[in-house]
C-alpha atoms as a PDB file:
ATOM      1  CA  MET A   1     -46.869 -38.157  34.791  1.00  0.00           C
ATOM      2  CA  LYS A   2     -47.053 -39.119  30.831  1.00  0.00           C
ATOM      3  CA  ALA A   3     -48.763 -35.824  30.115  1.00  0.00           C
ATOM      4  CA  ILE A   4     -45.515 -33.964  32.081  1.00  0.00           C
ATOM      5  CA  VAL A   5     -43.130 -35.967  30.296  1.00  0.00           C
ATOM      6  CA  LEU A   6     -44.890 -35.156  26.970  1.00  0.00           C
ATOM      7  CA  LEU A   7     -44.793 -31.537  28.198  1.00  0.00           C
ATOM      8  CA  LEU A   8     -41.007 -31.393  28.992  1.00  0.00           C
ATOM      9  CA  ALA A   9     -40.128 -33.397  25.711  1.00  0.00           C
ATOM     10  CA  GLY A  10     -41.833 -30.544  23.779  1.00  0.00           C
ATOM     11  CA  LEU A  11     -40.167 -28.066  25.625  1.00  0.00           C
ATOM     12  CA  ALA A  12     -37.049 -29.638  24.984  1.00  0.00           C
ATOM     13  CA  CYS A  13     -37.663 -29.211  21.233  1.00  0.00           C
ATOM     14  CA  ALA A  14     -38.809 -25.853  21.435  1.00  0.00           C
ATOM     15  CA  GLN A  15     -35.634 -24.562  22.577  1.00  0.00           C
ATOM     16  CA  ARG A  16     -33.701 -25.647  19.370  1.00  0.00           C
ATOM     17  CA  GLY A  17     -33.370 -22.353  17.939  1.00  0.00           C
ATOM     18  CA  PRO A  18     -30.827 -20.082  17.089  1.00  0.00           C
ATOM     19  CA  ASN A  19     -30.262 -18.860  21.029  1.00  0.00           C
ATOM     20  CA  SER A  20     -30.830 -22.264  22.527  1.00  0.00           C
ATOM     21  CA  GLY A  21     -27.825 -23.277  23.577  1.00  0.00           C
ATOM     22  CA  VAL A  22     -27.286 -25.933  20.754  1.00  0.00           C
ATOM     23  CA  GLU A  23     -23.608 -25.606  18.797  1.00  0.00           C
ATOM     24  CA  GLN A  24     -23.737 -24.128  15.669  1.00  0.00           C
ATOM     25  CA  ALA A  25     -21.458 -25.134  12.766  1.00  0.00           C
ATOM     26  CA  PRO A  26     -18.156 -23.617  12.787  1.00  0.00           C
ATOM     27  CA  SER A  27     -17.759 -20.975  10.070  1.00  0.00           C
ATOM     28  CA  TRP A  28     -15.267 -22.877   7.934  1.00  0.00           C
ATOM     29  CA  ALA A  29     -17.898 -25.414   7.535  1.00  0.00           C
ATOM     30  CA  THR A  30     -20.724 -23.160   6.071  1.00  0.00           C
ATOM     31  CA  ASP A  31     -20.868 -22.373   2.246  1.00  0.00           C
ATOM     32  CA  GLY A  32     -19.691 -18.593   3.065  1.00  0.00           C
ATOM     33  CA  GLY A  33     -16.949 -20.069   5.204  1.00  0.00           C
ATOM     34  CA  ARG A  34     -15.481 -22.427   2.783  1.00  0.00           C
ATOM     35  CA  VAL A  35     -15.659 -19.683   0.002  1.00  0.00           C
ATOM     36  CA  GLN A  36     -13.869 -17.385   2.105  1.00  0.00           C
ATOM     37  CA  ALA A  37     -11.033 -19.901   2.994  1.00  0.00           C
ATOM     38  CA  LYS A  38     -10.635 -20.545  -0.489  1.00  0.00           C
ATOM     39  CA  ILE A  39     -10.108 -17.077  -1.261  1.00  0.00           C
ATOM     40  CA  GLU A  40      -7.801 -16.621   1.753  1.00  0.00           C
ATOM     41  CA  LEU A  41      -5.765 -19.465   0.132  1.00  0.00           C
ATOM     42  CA  ALA A  42      -5.675 -18.300  -3.223  1.00  0.00           C
ATOM     43  CA  GLU A  43      -4.380 -14.930  -1.557  1.00  0.00           C
ATOM     44  CA  ALA A  44      -1.534 -16.701  -0.002  1.00  0.00           C
ATOM     45  CA  LEU A  45      -0.483 -18.250  -3.023  1.00  0.00           C
ATOM     46  CA  VAL A  46      -0.349 -14.855  -4.553  1.00  0.00           C
ATOM     47  CA  MET A  47       1.753 -13.352  -1.897  1.00  0.00           C
ATOM     48  CA  ASN A  48       4.077 -16.690  -1.605  1.00  0.00           C
ATOM     49  CA  GLY A  49       4.790 -16.265  -5.345  1.00  0.00           C
ATOM     50  CA  THR A  50       2.828 -18.844  -7.074  1.00  0.00           C
ATOM     51  CA  PRO A  51       0.401 -17.184  -9.102  1.00  0.00           C
ATOM     52  CA  GLU A  52      -0.488 -20.105 -11.459  1.00  0.00           C
ATOM     53  CA  ALA A  53      -1.736 -22.348  -8.608  1.00  0.00           C
ATOM     54  CA  ALA A  54      -3.741 -19.061  -7.207  1.00  0.00           C
ATOM     55  CA  LEU A  55      -5.104 -18.883 -10.912  1.00  0.00           C
ATOM     56  CA  GLN A  56      -6.215 -22.621 -11.033  1.00  0.00           C
ATOM     57  CA  MET A  57      -7.801 -22.394  -7.824  1.00  0.00           C
ATOM     58  CA  ILE A  58      -9.944 -19.254  -8.940  1.00  0.00           C
ATOM     59  CA  SER A  59     -10.808 -20.931 -12.285  1.00  0.00           C
ATOM     60  CA  GLN A  60     -12.433 -23.784 -10.319  1.00  0.00           C
ATOM     61  CA  MET A  61     -14.418 -21.382  -8.063  1.00  0.00           C
ATOM     62  CA  VAL A  62     -15.725 -19.655 -11.083  1.00  0.00           C
ATOM     63  CA  GLU A  63     -16.720 -22.804 -12.172  1.00  0.00           C
ATOM     64  CA  GLN A  64     -18.394 -23.635  -9.214  1.00  0.00           C
ATOM     65  CA  GLY A  65     -20.401 -20.579  -9.623  1.00  0.00           C
ATOM     66  CA  VAL A  66     -18.754 -18.570  -6.922  1.00  0.00           C
ATOM     67  CA  ARG A  67     -19.171 -14.785  -7.425  1.00  0.00           C
ATOM     68  CA  HIS A  68     -17.210 -12.871  -4.737  1.00  0.00           C
ATOM     69  CA  PRO A  69     -15.895  -9.456  -5.575  1.00  0.00           C
ATOM     70  CA  ASP A  70     -12.262 -10.584  -4.296  1.00  0.00           C
ATOM     71  CA  LEU A  71     -11.868 -13.172  -6.884  1.00  0.00           C
ATOM     72  CA  LEU A  72     -11.461 -10.838  -9.860  1.00  0.00           C
ATOM     73  CA  ILE A  73      -8.969  -8.705  -7.700  1.00  0.00           C
ATOM     74  CA  LEU A  74      -6.970 -11.807  -7.020  1.00  0.00           C
ATOM     75  CA  GLN A  75      -7.273 -12.949 -10.502  1.00  0.00           C
ATOM     76  CA  GLY A  76      -5.886  -9.779 -11.794  1.00  0.00           C
ATOM     77  CA  ARG A  77      -2.898  -9.726  -9.006  1.00  0.00           C
ATOM     78  CA  ALA A  78      -2.093 -13.239 -10.029  1.00  0.00           C
ATOM     79  CA  LEU A  79      -2.074 -12.261 -13.899  1.00  0.00           C
ATOM     80  CA  THR A  80       0.022  -9.129 -13.095  1.00  0.00           C
ATOM     81  CA  ASP A  81       2.619 -11.306 -11.696  1.00  0.00           C
ATOM     82  CA  MET A  82       2.750 -13.496 -14.505  1.00  0.00           C
ATOM     83  CA  GLY A  83       3.457 -10.645 -16.747  1.00  0.00           C
ATOM     84  CA  LEU A  84       0.018 -10.729 -18.355  1.00  0.00           C
ATOM     85  CA  THR A  85      -0.613  -7.265 -17.947  1.00  0.00           C
ATOM     86  CA  VAL A  86      -3.212  -6.937 -20.800  1.00  0.00           C
ATOM     87  CA  GLU A  87      -5.330  -9.569 -19.199  1.00  0.00           C
ATOM     88  CA  ALA A  88      -5.033  -8.382 -15.673  1.00  0.00           C
ATOM     89  CA  GLU A  89      -6.222  -4.680 -16.808  1.00  0.00           C
ATOM     90  CA  SER A  90      -9.107  -6.333 -18.147  1.00  0.00           C
ATOM     91  CA  VAL A  91     -10.234  -8.259 -15.183  1.00  0.00           C
ATOM     92  CA  LEU A  92      -9.334  -5.371 -12.920  1.00  0.00           C
ATOM     93  CA  GLN A  93     -11.373  -3.038 -14.687  1.00  0.00           C
ATOM     94  CA  ARG A  94     -14.355  -5.681 -14.726  1.00  0.00           C
ATOM     95  CA  ALA A  95     -13.711  -5.566 -11.027  1.00  0.00           C
ATOM     96  CA  THR A  96     -13.705  -1.845 -10.688  1.00  0.00           C
ATOM     97  CA  ARG A  97     -17.452  -1.924 -12.663  1.00  0.00           C
ATOM     98  CA  ARG A  98     -18.686  -4.676 -10.715  1.00  0.00           C
ATOM     99  CA  THR A  99     -18.151  -3.206  -7.393  1.00  0.00           C
ATOM    100  CA  PRO A 100     -17.424   0.487  -7.868  1.00  0.00           C
ATOM    101  CA  ALA A 101     -17.323   1.138  -4.023  1.00  0.00           C
ATOM    102  CA  ASN A 102     -14.633  -1.720  -3.424  1.00  0.00           C
ATOM    103  CA  SER A 103     -11.161   0.546  -2.973  1.00  0.00           C
ATOM    104  CA  GLU A 104      -8.551  -2.449  -3.778  1.00  0.00           C
ATOM    105  CA  ALA A 105     -10.059  -3.058  -7.257  1.00  0.00           C
ATOM    106  CA  HIS A 106      -9.177   0.803  -7.821  1.00  0.00           C
ATOM    107  CA  ASN A 107      -5.712   0.314  -5.717  1.00  0.00           C
ATOM    108  CA  ARG A 108      -4.701  -2.671  -7.959  1.00  0.00           C
ATOM    109  CA  LEU A 109      -5.757  -1.137 -11.030  1.00  0.00           C
ATOM    110  CA  GLY A 110      -3.678   1.848  -9.992  1.00  0.00           C
ATOM    111  CA  ILE A 111      -0.624  -0.080  -9.157  1.00  0.00           C
ATOM    112  CA  LEU A 112      -0.662  -1.781 -12.454  1.00  0.00           C
ATOM    113  CA  TYR A 113      -0.820   1.791 -14.525  1.00  0.00           C
ATOM    114  CA  PHE A 114       1.734   3.328 -12.178  1.00  0.00           C
ATOM    115  CA  ASP A 115       4.214   0.140 -12.986  1.00  0.00           C
ATOM    116  CA  GLN A 116       3.654   0.917 -16.559  1.00  0.00           C
ATOM    117  CA  ALA A 117       4.376   4.422 -16.364  1.00  0.00           C
ATOM    118  CA  ARG A 118       0.555   5.541 -16.909  1.00  0.00           C
ATOM    119  CA  THR A 119       1.035   8.025 -13.885  1.00  0.00           C
ATOM    120  CA  ASP A 120      -2.222  10.058 -14.777  1.00  0.00           C
ATOM    121  CA  GLU A 121      -4.456   6.977 -15.297  1.00  0.00           C
ATOM    122  CA  ALA A 122      -3.022   5.607 -11.884  1.00  0.00           C
ATOM    123  CA  ILE A 123      -3.576   8.939 -10.087  1.00  0.00           C
ATOM    124  CA  LYS A 124      -7.089   8.766 -11.090  1.00  0.00           C
ATOM    125  CA  ARG A 125      -7.618   5.226  -9.710  1.00  0.00           C
ATOM    126  CA  PHE A 126      -5.649   5.747  -6.703  1.00  0.00           C
ATOM    127  CA  LYS A 127      -8.306   8.910  -6.191  1.00  0.00           C
ATOM    128  CA  SER A 128     -11.098   6.613  -6.632  1.00  0.00           C
ATOM    129  CA  ALA A 129      -9.629   3.928  -4.101  1.00  0.00           C
ATOM    130  CA  VAL A 130      -9.276   7.111  -1.363  1.00  0.00           C
ATOM    131  CA  ARG A 131     -12.947   7.968  -1.997  1.00  0.00           C
ATOM    132  CA  ALA A 132     -13.918   4.443  -1.246  1.00  0.00           C
ATOM    133  CA  ALA A 133     -11.641   3.898   1.702  1.00  0.00           C
ATOM    134  CA  PRO A 134     -11.025   7.503   3.355  1.00  0.00           C
ATOM    135  CA  ASN A 135      -9.668   5.753   6.365  1.00  0.00           C
ATOM    136  CA  ASP A 136      -7.144   3.653   4.233  1.00  0.00           C
ATOM    137  CA  ALA A 137      -3.652   4.613   4.824  1.00  0.00           C
ATOM    138  CA  THR A 138      -2.081   2.413   2.079  1.00  0.00           C
ATOM    139  CA  VAL A 139      -4.244   3.976  -0.688  1.00  0.00           C
ATOM    140  CA  HIS A 140      -3.455   7.650   0.443  1.00  0.00           C
ATOM    141  CA  ASN A 141       0.194   6.553   0.239  1.00  0.00           C
ATOM    142  CA  ASN A 142       0.106   5.239  -3.303  1.00  0.00           C
ATOM    143  CA  LEU A 143      -1.757   8.322  -4.151  1.00  0.00           C
ATOM    144  CA  GLY A 144       0.809  10.589  -2.861  1.00  0.00           C
ATOM    145  CA  PHE A 145       3.723   8.677  -4.380  1.00  0.00           C
ATOM    146  CA  ALA A 146       2.081   8.756  -7.692  1.00  0.00           C
ATOM    147  CA  LEU A 147       1.338  12.433  -7.190  1.00  0.00           C
ATOM    148  CA  MET A 148       5.293  12.945  -6.495  1.00  0.00           C
ATOM    149  CA  ALA A 149       6.021  11.173  -9.766  1.00  0.00           C
ATOM    150  CA  ALA A 150       3.589  13.284 -11.485  1.00  0.00           C
ATOM    151  CA  GLY A 151       5.839  16.410 -10.185  1.00  0.00           C
ATOM    152  CA  ARG A 152       2.673  17.370  -8.320  1.00  0.00           C
ATOM    153  CA  HIS A 153       4.587  17.566  -4.944  1.00  0.00           C
ATOM    154  CA  GLU A 154       2.520  20.454  -3.090  1.00  0.00           C
ATOM    155  CA  GLU A 155      -0.862  18.196  -3.702  1.00  0.00           C
ATOM    156  CA  ALA A 156       1.065  14.957  -2.569  1.00  0.00           C
ATOM    157  CA  VAL A 157       2.452  16.686   0.793  1.00  0.00           C
ATOM    158  CA  ASP A 158      -1.264  17.239   1.711  1.00  0.00           C
ATOM    159  CA  VAL A 159      -2.200  13.904   0.870  1.00  0.00           C
ATOM    160  CA  LEU A 160       0.854  12.023   2.400  1.00  0.00           C
ATOM    161  CA  ARG A 161       0.333  14.012   5.741  1.00  0.00           C
ATOM    162  CA  THR A 162      -3.269  12.535   5.729  1.00  0.00           C
ATOM    163  CA  ALA A 163      -1.590   9.026   5.261  1.00  0.00           C
ATOM    164  CA  LEU A 164       0.823   9.606   8.250  1.00  0.00           C
ATOM    165  CA  MET A 165      -2.088  10.685  10.360  1.00  0.00           C
ATOM    166  CA  LEU A 166      -4.043   7.669   9.516  1.00  0.00           C
ATOM    167  CA  ASP A 167      -0.992   5.263  10.099  1.00  0.00           C
ATOM    168  CA  GLY A 168       1.875   6.910  11.882  1.00  0.00           C
ATOM    169  CA  SER A 169       3.839   3.645  12.019  1.00  0.00           C
ATOM    170  CA  GLN A 170       4.868   3.194   7.902  1.00  0.00           C
ATOM    171  CA  GLU A 171       8.080   4.045   7.480  1.00  0.00           C
ATOM    172  CA  ARG A 172       7.622   4.434   3.569  1.00  0.00           C
ATOM    173  CA  THR A 173       4.725   7.175   4.205  1.00  0.00           C
ATOM    174  CA  ARG A 174       6.974   9.126   6.168  1.00  0.00           C
ATOM    175  CA  ASN A 175       9.849   8.873   3.765  1.00  0.00           C
ATOM    176  CA  ASN A 176       7.507   9.920   0.836  1.00  0.00           C
ATOM    177  CA  LEU A 177       6.369  12.700   2.595  1.00  0.00           C
ATOM    178  CA  GLY A 178       9.886  13.934   3.591  1.00  0.00           C
ATOM    179  CA  PHE A 179      10.848  13.366  -0.097  1.00  0.00           C
ATOM    180  CA  ALA A 180       7.964  15.601  -1.198  1.00  0.00           C
ATOM    181  CA  LEU A 181       8.291  18.308   1.538  1.00  0.00           C
ATOM    182  CA  ALA A 182      11.906  18.570   0.271  1.00  0.00           C
ATOM    183  CA  ALA A 183      10.671  18.784  -3.376  1.00  0.00           C
ATOM    184  CA  THR A 184       9.049  21.813  -2.540  1.00  0.00           C
ATOM    185  CA  GLY A 185      11.819  23.503  -1.106  1.00  0.00           C
ATOM    186  CA  ASP A 186      10.650  22.958   2.407  1.00  0.00           C
ATOM    187  CA  ASP A 187      13.927  21.329   3.977  1.00  0.00           C
ATOM    188  CA  ASP A 188      13.024  22.050   7.549  1.00  0.00           C
ATOM    189  CA  SER A 189       9.776  20.363   7.476  1.00  0.00           C
ATOM    190  CA  ALA A 190      11.467  17.544   5.423  1.00  0.00           C
ATOM    191  CA  TRP A 191      14.161  16.952   7.947  1.00  0.00           C
ATOM    192  CA  ARG A 192      11.866  16.830  10.896  1.00  0.00           C
ATOM    193  CA  VAL A 193       9.826  14.378   9.033  1.00  0.00           C
ATOM    194  CA  LEU A 194      12.719  12.075   7.875  1.00  0.00           C
ATOM    195  CA  LYS A 195      14.317  12.307  11.383  1.00  0.00           C
ATOM    196  CA  ALA A 196      11.073  11.467  13.197  1.00  0.00           C
ATOM    197  CA  GLY A 197      11.035   8.131  11.327  1.00  0.00           C
ATOM    198  CA  SER A 198      14.985   6.841  11.067  1.00  0.00           C
ATOM    199  CA  ASP A 199      18.135   7.166  12.568  1.00  0.00           C
ATOM    200  CA  GLU A 200      20.103  10.507  12.074  1.00  0.00           C
ATOM    201  CA  VAL A 201      22.229   9.272   9.237  1.00  0.00           C
ATOM    202  CA  ASP A 202      19.549   7.997   7.315  1.00  0.00           C
ATOM    203  CA  ALA A 203      17.796  10.827   7.583  1.00  0.00           C
ATOM    204  CA  ARG A 204      20.458  13.277   6.415  1.00  0.00           C
ATOM    205  CA  SER A 205      21.322  10.878   3.570  1.00  0.00           C
ATOM    206  CA  ASN A 206      17.869  10.730   2.255  1.00  0.00           C
ATOM    207  CA  LEU A 207      17.498  14.517   2.693  1.00  0.00           C
ATOM    208  CA  ALA A 208      20.536  14.878   0.401  1.00  0.00           C
ATOM    209  CA  LEU A 209      18.936  12.482  -1.958  1.00  0.00           C
ATOM    210  CA  ALA A 210      15.736  14.668  -2.171  1.00  0.00           C
ATOM    211  CA  GLN A 211      17.711  17.902  -2.383  1.00  0.00           C
ATOM    212  CA  GLU A 212      19.756  16.560  -5.082  1.00  0.00           C
ATOM    213  CA  ALA A 213      16.614  15.196  -6.874  1.00  0.00           C
ATOM    214  CA  ARG A 214      15.222  18.601  -6.864  1.00  0.00           C
ATOM    215  CA  GLY A 215      18.340  19.970  -8.696  1.00  0.00           C
ATOM    216  CA  ASP A 216      19.780  22.028  -5.179  1.00  0.00           C
ATOM    217  CA  THR A 217      23.398  20.958  -5.705  1.00  0.00           C
ATOM    218  CA  GLN A 218      24.904  23.220  -3.248  1.00  0.00           C
ATOM    219  CA  ALA A 219      22.166  21.928  -0.187  1.00  0.00           C
ATOM    220  CA  ALA A 220      22.687  18.464  -1.310  1.00  0.00           C
ATOM    221  CA  LEU A 221      26.531  18.665  -0.838  1.00  0.00           C
ATOM    222  CA  GLN A 222      26.045  20.177   2.468  1.00  0.00           C
ATOM    223  CA  SER A 223      23.835  17.420   3.622  1.00  0.00           C
ATOM    224  CA  TYR A 224      26.004  14.300   2.469  1.00  0.00           C
ATOM    225  CA  ARG A 225      28.795  16.242   4.165  1.00  0.00           C
ATOM    226  CA  GLN A 226      26.933  16.065   7.299  1.00  0.00           C
ATOM    227  CA  THR A 227      25.973  12.310   6.353  1.00  0.00           C
ATOM    228  CA  LEU A 228      29.975  11.838   6.400  1.00  0.00           C
ATOM    229  CA  LYS A 229      30.461  13.959   9.856  1.00  0.00           C
ATOM    230  CA  LEU A 230      27.913  11.263  11.402  1.00  0.00           C
ATOM    231  CA  ASP A 231      29.179   8.352   9.631  1.00  0.00           C
ATOM    232  CA  PRO A 232      32.619   8.819   7.814  1.00  0.00           C
ATOM    233  CA  ASN A 233      32.115   5.257   6.369  1.00  0.00           C
ATOM    234  CA  HIS A 234      28.904   6.015   4.456  1.00  0.00           C
ATOM    235  CA  ILE A 235      29.979   4.803   0.894  1.00  0.00           C
ATOM    236  CA  ASP A 236      27.048   6.488  -0.917  1.00  0.00           C
ATOM    237  CA  ALA A 237      27.576  10.034   0.720  1.00  0.00           C
ATOM    238  CA  ARG A 238      31.271   9.772   0.049  1.00  0.00           C
ATOM    239  CA  ALA A 239      30.645   8.905  -3.453  1.00  0.00           C
ATOM    240  CA  ALA A 240      28.288  11.989  -3.681  1.00  0.00           C
ATOM    241  CA  VAL A 241      30.611  14.311  -2.279  1.00  0.00           C
ATOM    242  CA  GLN A 242      33.124  13.402  -4.740  1.00  0.00           C
ATOM    243  CA  ARG A 243      30.769  13.527  -7.643  1.00  0.00           C
ATOM    244  CA  LEU A 244      29.100  16.858  -6.566  1.00  0.00           C
ATOM    245  CA  SER A 245      32.160  18.892  -5.311  1.00  0.00           C
ATOM    246  CA  ALA A 246      33.276  18.660  -9.052  1.00  0.00           C
ATOM    247  CA  SER A 247      30.500  20.871 -10.161  1.00  0.00           C
ATOM    248  CA  VAL A 248      30.295  23.467  -6.812  1.00  0.00           C
ATOM    249  CA  PRO A 249      33.905  24.467  -6.726  1.00  0.00           C
ATOM    250  CA  ASN A 250      34.724  26.030  -3.343  1.00  0.00           C
ATOM    251  CA  SER A 251      31.848  24.919  -1.796  1.00  0.00           C
ATOM    252  CA  SER A 252      31.192  25.635   2.105  1.00  0.00           C
ATOM    253  CA  GLU A 253      30.483  23.213   4.691  1.00  0.00           C
ATOM    254  CA  GLU A 254      27.459  25.030   6.425  1.00  0.00           C
ATOM    255  CA  ASN A 255      25.387  22.886   8.260  1.00  0.00           C
ATOM    256  CA  THR A 256      21.726  21.831   6.711  1.00  0.00           C
ATOM    257  CA  PRO A 257      18.638  21.889   9.116  1.00  0.00           C
END
């Protein structure tokens, strides 16, 4: 009997392996889990408008020897929010060198450059982000928007179409594509895209804005008038009609697409 008891005890001990049914420590209690929790907290601090607190937490983690690719990106975002753009650029550049395949590092550096009107540099970074994350609709949208800002509208159309196919729920992407199409003179396609993402009044008003931006006063005036037919109280459209009518005497009220 003693031998059987000892054997059972031995089997019980032998079962204490990864698949033995013994309860494992929760993810937040592991070293990796604790690091990830701190990173998520630091990101929340940045998102909630307290970059100073985020930087303090990041500094403590660095002092503790934590080396995580997201740390530099968060540090760059926090520095950017504080207006320390030179320092932010240095940190984000280091992030792209350390992890060249990290799309968010390139994306954040692109946003920093775009906000500084360094559009060509922003485009290069957004392209790197797209290569690193070809299925990310956000980085495609950012690239498309930067291409629009550079006047490269036909390129922007292709990129923004891809962004919309990756995530058709993003209204900003749909609007960007509509504006890019209008900038190329394709008002029919622009109208279909804009109308699919918003109500008819907003779509018509946005088309008018895009037409005015490309310098087509006649088409813009017609679209603004169409907006007023749909919503006689549309303040911006009424002001635009008054403004543009002075430069287009005897203009017709033909319908736009």
